[in-house]
C-alpha atoms as a PDB file:
ATOM      1  CA  MET A   1      -5.809 -84.717 -79.949  1.00  0.00           C
ATOM      2  CA  ASN A   2      -9.546 -84.974 -78.710  1.00  0.00           C
ATOM      3  CA  ASN A   3      -7.844 -86.593 -75.523  1.00  0.00           C
ATOM      4  CA  LEU A   4      -5.482 -84.048 -74.906  1.00  0.00           C
ATOM      5  CA  ILE A   5      -8.191 -81.259 -75.161  1.00  0.00           C
ATOM      6  CA  THR A   6     -10.305 -83.292 -72.866  1.00  0.00           C
ATOM      7  CA  LEU A   7      -7.461 -83.704 -70.482  1.00  0.00           C
ATOM      8  CA  ILE A   8      -6.838 -79.812 -70.712  1.00  0.00           C
ATOM      9  CA  LEU A   9     -10.419 -79.003 -70.117  1.00  0.00           C
ATOM     10  CA  VAL A  10     -10.600 -81.605 -67.095  1.00  0.00           C
ATOM     11  CA  ALA A  11      -7.510 -79.857 -65.573  1.00  0.00           C
ATOM     12  CA  LEU A  12      -9.030 -76.225 -66.131  1.00  0.00           C
ATOM     13  CA  CYS A  13     -12.133 -77.523 -64.317  1.00  0.00           C
ATOM     14  CA  VAL A  14     -10.294 -79.029 -61.361  1.00  0.00           C
ATOM     15  CA  ALA A  15      -8.097 -75.919 -60.996  1.00  0.00           C
ATOM     16  CA  GLY A  16     -11.253 -73.694 -61.167  1.00  0.00           C
ATOM     17  CA  VAL A  17     -13.018 -75.984 -58.493  1.00  0.00           C
ATOM     18  CA  SER A  18      -9.940 -75.913 -56.360  1.00  0.00           C
ATOM     19  CA  VAL A  19      -9.563 -71.808 -56.448  1.00  0.00           C
ATOM     20  CA  ILE A  20     -13.350 -71.476 -55.787  1.00  0.00           C
ATOM     21  CA  LEU A  21     -12.856 -74.209 -52.872  1.00  0.00           C
ATOM     22  CA  THR A  22      -9.888 -72.202 -51.496  1.00  0.00           C
ATOM     23  CA  ILE A  23     -11.795 -68.774 -51.605  1.00  0.00           C
ATOM     24  CA  PHE A  24     -14.562 -70.216 -49.663  1.00  0.00           C
ATOM     25  CA  ILE A  25     -12.546 -71.707 -47.061  1.00  0.00           C
ATOM     26  CA  LEU A  26     -10.364 -68.440 -46.484  1.00  0.00           C
ATOM     27  CA  LYS A  27     -13.673 -66.549 -46.507  1.00  0.00           C
ATOM     28  CA  SER A  28     -15.259 -69.045 -44.030  1.00  0.00           C
ATOM     29  CA  LYS A  29     -12.146 -68.615 -41.758  1.00  0.00           C
ATOM     30  CA  TYR A  30     -12.056 -64.721 -42.163  1.00  0.00           C
ATOM     31  CA  ASP A  31     -15.834 -64.559 -41.440  1.00  0.00           C
ATOM     32  CA  LYS A  32     -15.339 -66.770 -38.338  1.00  0.00           C
ATOM     33  CA  ARG A  33     -12.349 -64.640 -37.103  1.00  0.00           C
ATOM     34  CA  LEU A  34     -14.539 -61.426 -37.643  1.00  0.00           C
ATOM     35  CA  SER A  35     -17.392 -62.971 -35.910  1.00  0.00           C
ATOM     36  CA  ASP A  36     -15.329 -63.731 -32.714  1.00  0.00           C
ATOM     37  CA  PHE A  37     -13.766 -60.212 -33.085  1.00  0.00           C
ATOM     38  CA  GLN A  38     -17.386 -58.622 -33.011  1.00  0.00           C
ATOM     39  CA  ASP A  39     -18.202 -60.949 -30.204  1.00  0.00           C
ATOM     40  CA  SER A  40     -15.214 -60.273 -28.288  1.00  0.00           C
ATOM     41  CA  VAL A  41     -15.799 -56.162 -28.600  1.00  0.00           C
ATOM     42  CA  LEU A  42     -19.552 -56.769 -27.558  1.00  0.00           C
ATOM     43  CA  LYS A  43     -18.552 -58.589 -24.157  1.00  0.00           C
ATOM     44  CA  LYS A  44     -15.783 -55.776 -23.869  1.00  0.00           C
ATOM     45  CA  GLN A  45     -18.241 -53.089 -24.128  1.00  0.00           C
ATOM     46  CA  ARG A  46     -20.927 -55.088 -21.696  1.00  0.00           C
ATOM     47  CA  ASP A  47     -18.120 -55.613 -19.348  1.00  0.00           C
ATOM     48  CA  GLU A  48     -17.296 -51.856 -19.166  1.00  0.00           C
ATOM     49  CA  VAL A  49     -20.879 -50.627 -18.814  1.00  0.00           C
ATOM     50  CA  GLN A  50     -20.913 -53.031 -16.009  1.00  0.00           C
ATOM     51  CA  ASN A  51     -17.860 -51.571 -14.303  1.00  0.00           C
ATOM     52  CA  ILE A  52     -19.512 -48.082 -14.579  1.00  0.00           C
ATOM     53  CA  TYR A  53     -22.859 -49.537 -13.150  1.00  0.00           C
ATOM     54  CA  GLN A  54     -21.229 -51.096 -10.206  1.00  0.00           C
ATOM     55  CA  THR A  55     -19.203 -47.916  -9.633  1.00  0.00           C
ATOM     56  CA  MET A  56     -22.295 -45.557  -9.632  1.00  0.00           C
ATOM     57  CA  ARG A  57     -24.265 -48.367  -7.580  1.00  0.00           C
ATOM     58  CA  ALA A  58     -21.360 -48.196  -4.855  1.00  0.00           C
ATOM     59  CA  TRP A  59     -21.398 -44.329  -4.647  1.00  0.00           C
ATOM     60  CA  ARG A  60     -25.190 -44.216  -4.508  1.00  0.00           C
ATOM     61  CA  HIS A  61     -24.878 -46.818  -1.505  1.00  0.00           C
ATOM     62  CA  ASP A  62     -22.423 -44.864   0.368  1.00  0.00           C
ATOM     63  CA  TYR A  63     -24.229 -41.436  -0.141  1.00  0.00           C
ATOM     64  CA  HIS A  64     -26.120 -42.091   2.865  1.00  0.00           C
ATOM     65  CA  ASN A  65     -23.045 -43.040   4.991  1.00  0.00           C
ATOM     66  CA  HIS A  66     -21.439 -39.692   4.099  1.00  0.00           C
ATOM     67  CA  MET A  67     -24.539 -37.636   4.653  1.00  0.00           C
ATOM     68  CA  GLN A  68     -24.868 -39.165   8.136  1.00  0.00           C
ATOM     69  CA  SER A  69     -21.112 -38.411   8.784  1.00  0.00           C
ATOM     70  CA  ILE A  70     -21.439 -34.765   7.793  1.00  0.00           C
ATOM     71  CA  LYS A  71     -24.617 -34.131   9.926  1.00  0.00           C
ATOM     72  CA  ALA A  72     -22.862 -35.800  13.020  1.00  0.00           C
ATOM     73  CA  LEU A  73     -19.941 -33.431  12.620  1.00  0.00           C
ATOM     74  CA  ILE A  74     -22.243 -30.510  12.153  1.00  0.00           C
ATOM     75  CA  GLU A  75     -24.106 -31.465  15.193  1.00  0.00           C
ATOM     76  CA  MET A  76     -20.706 -31.786  17.375  1.00  0.00           C
ATOM     77  CA  ASP A  77     -19.841 -28.411  15.809  1.00  0.00           C
ATOM     78  CA  LYS A  78     -16.416 -30.014  14.665  1.00  0.00           C
ATOM     79  CA  MET A  79     -15.862 -27.619  11.654  1.00  0.00           C
ATOM     80  CA  LYS A  80     -12.215 -28.533  11.209  1.00  0.00           C
ATOM     81  CA  GLU A  81     -13.022 -32.188  10.819  1.00  0.00           C
ATOM     82  CA  LEU A  82     -15.811 -31.408   8.700  1.00  0.00           C
ATOM     83  CA  SER A  83     -13.667 -29.530   6.483  1.00  0.00           C
ATOM     84  CA  GLU A  84     -11.192 -32.031   5.846  1.00  0.00           C
ATOM     85  CA  TYR A  85     -14.063 -34.800   5.442  1.00  0.00           C
ATOM     86  CA  LEU A  86     -15.325 -32.782   2.698  1.00  0.00           C
ATOM     87  CA  ASP A  87     -11.946 -32.159   1.037  1.00  0.00           C
ATOM     88  CA  ASN A  88     -11.242 -35.948   1.067  1.00  0.00           C
ATOM     89  CA  LEU A  89     -14.739 -36.566  -0.276  1.00  0.00           C
ATOM     90  CA  GLU A  90     -14.187 -34.202  -2.922  1.00  0.00           C
ATOM     91  CA  LYS A  91     -10.839 -35.926  -3.918  1.00  0.00           C
ATOM     92  CA  ASP A  92     -12.520 -39.092  -4.065  1.00  0.00           C
ATOM     93  CA  LEU A  93     -15.390 -37.851  -6.345  1.00  0.00           C
ATOM     94  CA  ASP A  94     -12.980 -36.388  -8.540  1.00  0.00           C
ATOM     95  CA  SER A  95     -11.266 -39.562  -9.207  1.00  0.00           C
ATOM     96  CA  ILE A  96     -14.794 -41.313  -9.536  1.00  0.00           C
ATOM     97  CA  ASP A  97     -16.286 -38.639 -12.030  1.00  0.00           C
ATOM     98  CA  ILE A  98     -15.298 -40.084 -15.527  1.00  0.00           C
ATOM     99  CA  ALA A  99     -18.038 -38.477 -17.223  1.00  0.00           C
ATOM    100  CA  ILE A 100     -16.846 -36.780 -20.442  1.00  0.00           C
ATOM    101  CA  ARG A 101     -18.776 -34.339 -22.474  1.00  0.00           C
ATOM    102  CA  THR A 102     -17.435 -33.879 -26.027  1.00  0.00           C
ATOM    103  CA  GLY A 103     -20.683 -32.635 -27.806  1.00  0.00           C
ATOM    104  CA  ASN A 104     -21.347 -36.106 -29.016  1.00  0.00           C
ATOM    105  CA  VAL A 105     -23.182 -38.498 -27.033  1.00  0.00           C
ATOM    106  CA  GLY A 106     -21.844 -41.700 -28.438  1.00  0.00           C
ATOM    107  CA  LEU A 107     -18.330 -40.594 -27.939  1.00  0.00           C
ATOM    108  CA  ASP A 108     -19.026 -39.513 -24.459  1.00  0.00           C
ATOM    109  CA  ALA A 109     -19.950 -43.054 -23.628  1.00  0.00           C
ATOM    110  CA  ILE A 110     -17.183 -44.789 -25.425  1.00  0.00           C
ATOM    111  CA  LEU A 111     -14.420 -42.595 -23.841  1.00  0.00           C
ATOM    112  CA  SER A 112     -15.869 -42.489 -20.379  1.00  0.00           C
ATOM    113  CA  SER A 113     -16.062 -46.498 -20.325  1.00  0.00           C
ATOM    114  CA  LYS A 114     -12.646 -46.686 -21.673  1.00  0.00           C
ATOM    115  CA  VAL A 115     -11.345 -44.286 -19.290  1.00  0.00           C
ATOM    116  CA  SER A 116     -12.993 -45.820 -16.499  1.00  0.00           C
ATOM    117  CA  ILE A 117     -11.100 -49.139 -17.520  1.00  0.00           C
ATOM    118  CA  ALA A 118      -7.820 -47.634 -17.669  1.00  0.00           C
ATOM    119  CA  ARG A 119      -8.028 -45.772 -14.378  1.00  0.00           C
ATOM    120  CA  LYS A 120      -9.334 -49.057 -12.784  1.00  0.00           C
ATOM    121  CA  ASN A 121      -5.987 -50.479 -14.002  1.00  0.00           C
ATOM    122  CA  ASN A 122      -3.916 -47.693 -12.326  1.00  0.00           C
ATOM    123  CA  ILE A 123      -3.104 -45.898 -15.778  1.00  0.00           C
ATOM    124  CA  GLU A 124      -3.090 -42.340 -15.668  1.00  0.00           C
ATOM    125  CA  VAL A 125      -5.263 -40.710 -18.315  1.00  0.00           C
ATOM    126  CA  ASN A 126      -5.462 -37.186 -19.589  1.00  0.00           C
ATOM    127  CA  CYS A 127      -8.283 -36.520 -21.861  1.00  0.00           C
ATOM    128  CA  THR A 128      -9.259 -33.209 -23.837  1.00  0.00           C
ATOM    129  CA  ALA A 129     -12.024 -33.990 -26.298  1.00  0.00           C
ATOM    130  CA  LYS A 130     -14.605 -31.719 -27.989  1.00  0.00           C
ATOM    131  CA  VAL A 131     -16.245 -32.293 -31.225  1.00  0.00           C
ATOM    132  CA  PRO A 132     -18.706 -30.046 -33.619  1.00  0.00           C
ATOM    133  CA  GLN A 133     -22.309 -30.997 -33.601  1.00  0.00           C
ATOM    134  CA  ASN A 134     -22.356 -31.676 -37.398  1.00  0.00           C
ATOM    135  CA  LEU A 135     -19.536 -34.227 -38.562  1.00  0.00           C
ATOM    136  CA  SER A 136     -19.106 -36.125 -41.879  1.00  0.00           C
ATOM    137  CA  VAL A 137     -18.149 -39.386 -40.056  1.00  0.00           C
ATOM    138  CA  GLY A 138     -20.705 -41.376 -38.721  1.00  0.00           C
ATOM    139  CA  ASP A 139     -21.155 -41.989 -35.034  1.00  0.00           C
ATOM    140  CA  VAL A 140     -20.582 -45.685 -35.203  1.00  0.00           C
ATOM    141  CA  HIS A 141     -17.312 -45.119 -37.265  1.00  0.00           C
ATOM    142  CA  LEU A 142     -16.133 -42.461 -34.854  1.00  0.00           C
ATOM    143  CA  CYS A 143     -16.717 -44.609 -31.843  1.00  0.00           C
ATOM    144  CA  ALA A 144     -15.111 -47.310 -33.637  1.00  0.00           C
ATOM    145  CA  ILE A 145     -11.993 -45.492 -34.077  1.00  0.00           C
ATOM    146  CA  VAL A 146     -11.666 -44.025 -30.804  1.00  0.00           C
ATOM    147  CA  GLY A 147     -12.717 -47.285 -29.045  1.00  0.00           C
ATOM    148  CA  ASN A 148     -10.092 -49.330 -30.847  1.00  0.00           C
ATOM    149  CA  LEU A 149      -7.296 -46.710 -30.275  1.00  0.00           C
ATOM    150  CA  MET A 150      -8.084 -46.814 -26.659  1.00  0.00           C
ATOM    151  CA  ASP A 151      -8.123 -50.605 -26.486  1.00  0.00           C
ATOM    152  CA  ASN A 152      -4.679 -50.717 -27.986  1.00  0.00           C
ATOM    153  CA  ALA A 153      -3.651 -48.222 -25.739  1.00  0.00           C
ATOM    154  CA  ILE A 154      -4.700 -49.704 -22.389  1.00  0.00           C
ATOM    155  CA  GLU A 155      -3.415 -52.860 -23.350  1.00  0.00           C
ATOM    156  CA  ALA A 156       0.210 -51.466 -24.098  1.00  0.00           C
ATOM    157  CA  CYS A 157      -0.176 -49.977 -20.755  1.00  0.00           C
ATOM    158  CA  GLU A 158      -1.294 -53.249 -19.063  1.00  0.00           C
ATOM    159  CA  LYS A 159       1.936 -54.882 -20.362  1.00  0.00           C
ATOM    160  CA  MET A 160       4.217 -52.570 -18.377  1.00  0.00           C
ATOM    161  CA  LYS A 161       5.171 -54.592 -15.438  1.00  0.00           C
ATOM    162  CA  VAL A 162       5.641 -52.367 -12.170  1.00  0.00           C
ATOM    163  CA  ASP A 163       8.802 -54.201 -11.107  1.00  0.00           C
ATOM    164  CA  ALA A 164      12.557 -53.952 -11.689  1.00  0.00           C
ATOM    165  CA  GLY A 165      12.053 -54.844 -15.515  1.00  0.00           C
ATOM    166  CA  GLY A 166       9.746 -51.808 -15.742  1.00  0.00           C
ATOM    167  CA  ALA A 167      12.022 -49.495 -13.743  1.00  0.00           C
ATOM    168  CA  GLY A 168      14.080 -46.534 -14.855  1.00  0.00           C
ATOM    169  CA  ALA A 169      17.621 -45.921 -13.962  1.00  0.00           C
ATOM    170  CA  GLU A 170      16.962 -44.463 -10.442  1.00  0.00           C
ATOM    171  CA  GLY A 171      14.682 -47.670  -9.600  1.00  0.00           C
ATOM    172  CA  LEU A 172      11.477 -46.054 -10.200  1.00  0.00           C
ATOM    173  CA  ALA A 173       8.606 -47.694 -11.912  1.00  0.00           C
ATOM    174  CA  ALA A 174       8.013 -46.535 -15.328  1.00  0.00           C
ATOM    175  CA  PRO A 175       4.878 -44.543 -15.640  1.00  0.00           C
ATOM    176  CA  ARG A 176       1.695 -45.939 -17.244  1.00  0.00           C
ATOM    177  CA  PHE A 177      -0.246 -42.979 -19.078  1.00  0.00           C
ATOM    178  CA  ILE A 178      -2.619 -42.374 -21.844  1.00  0.00           C
ATOM    179  CA  ARG A 179      -2.981 -38.962 -23.650  1.00  0.00           C
ATOM    180  CA  VAL A 180      -6.261 -38.183 -25.481  1.00  0.00           C
ATOM    181  CA  TYR A 181      -6.929 -35.225 -27.656  1.00  0.00           C
ATOM    182  CA  ILE A 182      -9.966 -34.669 -30.041  1.00  0.00           C
ATOM    183  CA  GLY A 183     -10.709 -31.426 -31.594  1.00  0.00           C
ATOM    184  CA  VAL A 184     -10.967 -29.436 -34.845  1.00  0.00           C
ATOM    185  CA  PHE A 185      -7.380 -28.839 -36.499  1.00  0.00           C
ATOM    186  CA  LYS A 186      -7.121 -27.007 -39.966  1.00  0.00           C
ATOM    187  CA  SER A 187     -10.891 -27.707 -40.587  1.00  0.00           C
ATOM    188  CA  GLN A 188     -10.399 -31.316 -39.956  1.00  0.00           C
ATOM    189  CA  LEU A 189     -11.298 -33.750 -37.078  1.00  0.00           C
ATOM    190  CA  TYR A 190      -8.088 -34.419 -35.371  1.00  0.00           C
ATOM    191  CA  ILE A 191      -7.851 -37.291 -32.979  1.00  0.00           C
ATOM    192  CA  SER A 192      -4.612 -38.273 -30.998  1.00  0.00           C
ATOM    193  CA  VAL A 193      -4.016 -41.053 -28.672  1.00  0.00           C
ATOM    194  CA  THR A 194      -0.377 -41.412 -27.126  1.00  0.00           C
ATOM    195  CA  ASN A 195       0.329 -44.173 -24.593  1.00  0.00           C
ATOM    196  CA  SER A 196       3.504 -45.425 -22.845  1.00  0.00           C
ATOM    197  CA  THR A 197       4.750 -48.871 -23.924  1.00  0.00           C
ATOM    198  CA  LYS A 198       7.196 -51.350 -22.617  1.00  0.00           C
ATOM    199  CA  GLU A 199       9.203 -51.131 -25.897  1.00  0.00           C
ATOM    200  CA  LYS A 200      12.894 -49.711 -24.969  1.00  0.00           C
ATOM    201  CA  LYS A 201      13.801 -49.176 -28.454  1.00  0.00           C
ATOM    202  CA  ARG A 202      12.317 -47.766 -31.856  1.00  0.00           C
ATOM    203  CA  ARG A 203      10.665 -50.548 -34.006  1.00  0.00           C
ATOM    204  CA  ARG A 204       9.566 -50.209 -37.569  1.00  0.00           C
ATOM    205  CA  LEU A 205       5.870 -49.288 -38.004  1.00  0.00           C
ATOM    206  CA  SER A 206       5.238 -52.286 -40.508  1.00  0.00           C
ATOM    207  CA  GLU A 207       6.765 -54.536 -37.879  1.00  0.00           C
ATOM    208  CA  LEU A 208       4.475 -53.126 -35.127  1.00  0.00           C
ATOM    209  CA  VAL A 209       1.404 -53.475 -37.202  1.00  0.00           C
ATOM    210  CA  THR A 210       2.154 -56.950 -38.303  1.00  0.00           C
ATOM    211  CA  SER A 211       2.863 -58.257 -34.945  1.00  0.00           C
ATOM    212  CA  LYS A 212      -0.574 -57.312 -33.831  1.00  0.00           C
ATOM    213  CA  LEU A 213      -2.505 -60.422 -34.596  1.00  0.00           C
ATOM    214  CA  GLY A 214      -6.083 -61.539 -33.661  1.00  0.00           C
ATOM    215  CA  GLU A 215      -8.550 -58.755 -32.414  1.00  0.00           C
ATOM    216  CA  HIS A 216      -5.758 -55.966 -32.579  1.00  0.00           C
ATOM    217  CA  GLY A 217      -5.084 -56.771 -36.235  1.00  0.00           C
ATOM    218  CA  PHE A 218      -8.763 -56.325 -37.071  1.00  0.00           C
ATOM    219  CA  GLY A 219      -8.839 -53.174 -35.188  1.00  0.00           C
ATOM    220  CA  LEU A 220      -5.910 -51.714 -36.828  1.00  0.00           C
ATOM    221  CA  ARG A 221      -7.314 -52.428 -40.283  1.00  0.00           C
ATOM    222  CA  ARG A 222     -10.729 -51.042 -38.949  1.00  0.00           C
ATOM    223  CA  ILE A 223      -9.266 -47.684 -38.127  1.00  0.00           C
ATOM    224  CA  ASP A 224      -7.479 -47.714 -41.541  1.00  0.00           C
ATOM    225  CA  LYS A 225     -10.434 -48.721 -43.603  1.00  0.00           C
ATOM    226  CA  ILE A 226     -12.753 -46.204 -41.813  1.00  0.00           C
ATOM    227  CA  ALA A 227     -10.401 -43.315 -42.346  1.00  0.00           C
ATOM    228  CA  GLU A 228      -9.719 -44.365 -46.122  1.00  0.00           C
ATOM    229  CA  LYS A 229     -13.603 -44.605 -46.386  1.00  0.00           C
ATOM    230  CA  TYR A 230     -13.852 -40.861 -45.359  1.00  0.00           C
ATOM    231  CA  ASP A 231     -10.599 -39.863 -47.200  1.00  0.00           C
ATOM    232  CA  GLY A 232      -8.928 -39.532 -43.987  1.00  0.00           C
ATOM    233  CA  TYR A 233      -5.451 -39.967 -42.763  1.00  0.00           C
ATOM    234  CA  VAL A 234      -3.795 -42.042 -40.188  1.00  0.00           C
ATOM    235  CA  ASN A 235      -0.112 -41.634 -38.775  1.00  0.00           C
ATOM    236  CA  ARG A 236       1.446 -43.862 -36.261  1.00  0.00           C
ATOM    237  CA  LYS A 237       4.630 -42.760 -34.607  1.00  0.00           C
ATOM    238  CA  ASN A 238       6.669 -44.641 -32.006  1.00  0.00           C
ATOM    239  CA  GLU A 239       9.676 -43.858 -29.881  1.00  0.00           C
ATOM    240  CA  PRO A 240      11.318 -45.673 -26.987  1.00  0.00           C
ATOM    241  CA  GLY A 241       8.664 -46.018 -24.308  1.00  0.00           C
ATOM    242  CA  VAL A 242       6.117 -43.958 -26.562  1.00  0.00           C
ATOM    243  CA  PHE A 243       3.722 -44.928 -29.100  1.00  0.00           C
ATOM    244  CA  ALA A 244       1.212 -42.269 -30.610  1.00  0.00           C
ATOM    245  CA  THR A 245      -1.479 -42.468 -33.277  1.00  0.00           C
ATOM    246  CA  GLU A 246      -2.891 -39.548 -35.209  1.00  0.00           C
ATOM    247  CA  VAL A 247      -6.262 -39.691 -37.342  1.00  0.00           C
ATOM    248  CA  MET A 248      -7.370 -36.777 -39.366  1.00  0.00           C
ATOM    249  CA  LEU A 249     -10.967 -36.729 -40.816  1.00  0.00           C
ATOM    250  CA  PRO A 250     -12.692 -34.171 -43.031  1.00  0.00           C
ATOM    251  CA  LEU A 251     -15.364 -32.161 -41.259  1.00  0.00           C
END
């Protein structure tokens, strides 16, 4: 009898140690994946800031050349050519001016960097964003939501090949676009990001979420966790060729 009790106790101890070791191993793996994810996010943000910096340096360098050309046209009294030159310069400036003013400095920075990356990859972006000065959600959490939404939208667009595989019935390449709207709706902060995708048929949302592995899985869970923290709401919708995410957060 004593031997049986001893064996049971030993078995329980072994089982307990196994459970603890399993939890420790799983936690270590999760911490490693989370660390890798954070490192990739920081690298991506650094690259985005570097992209904006290089763009601004290029325009600063070109400024003197533009001024010399304008002065030369004025001296030669070529007003028509000058007008055309200024029109082209204005169009070029419009394509470079990605500064987005939402009323929140952190959101301005994250949106500007993401829009810059999207346009650099030939993705059409339409962004309307305005937020109140006083928000219940913290700046870091707000930027995390918007940053992850934009990252997923950009990647979905980048997967759309500009070839026969992405062409429509008339042989035209499928458009790559992102639509962003952030504002106040029914006393809540409303965030909507819609993007084109290569998906030609509707898929179950559970299938879409579980198919997002690696950093995308962390990004999706990050959005859900932050919304849950603030008693918010996340709604994902997908139709052939289009994916949309809506996030509602109490003010």
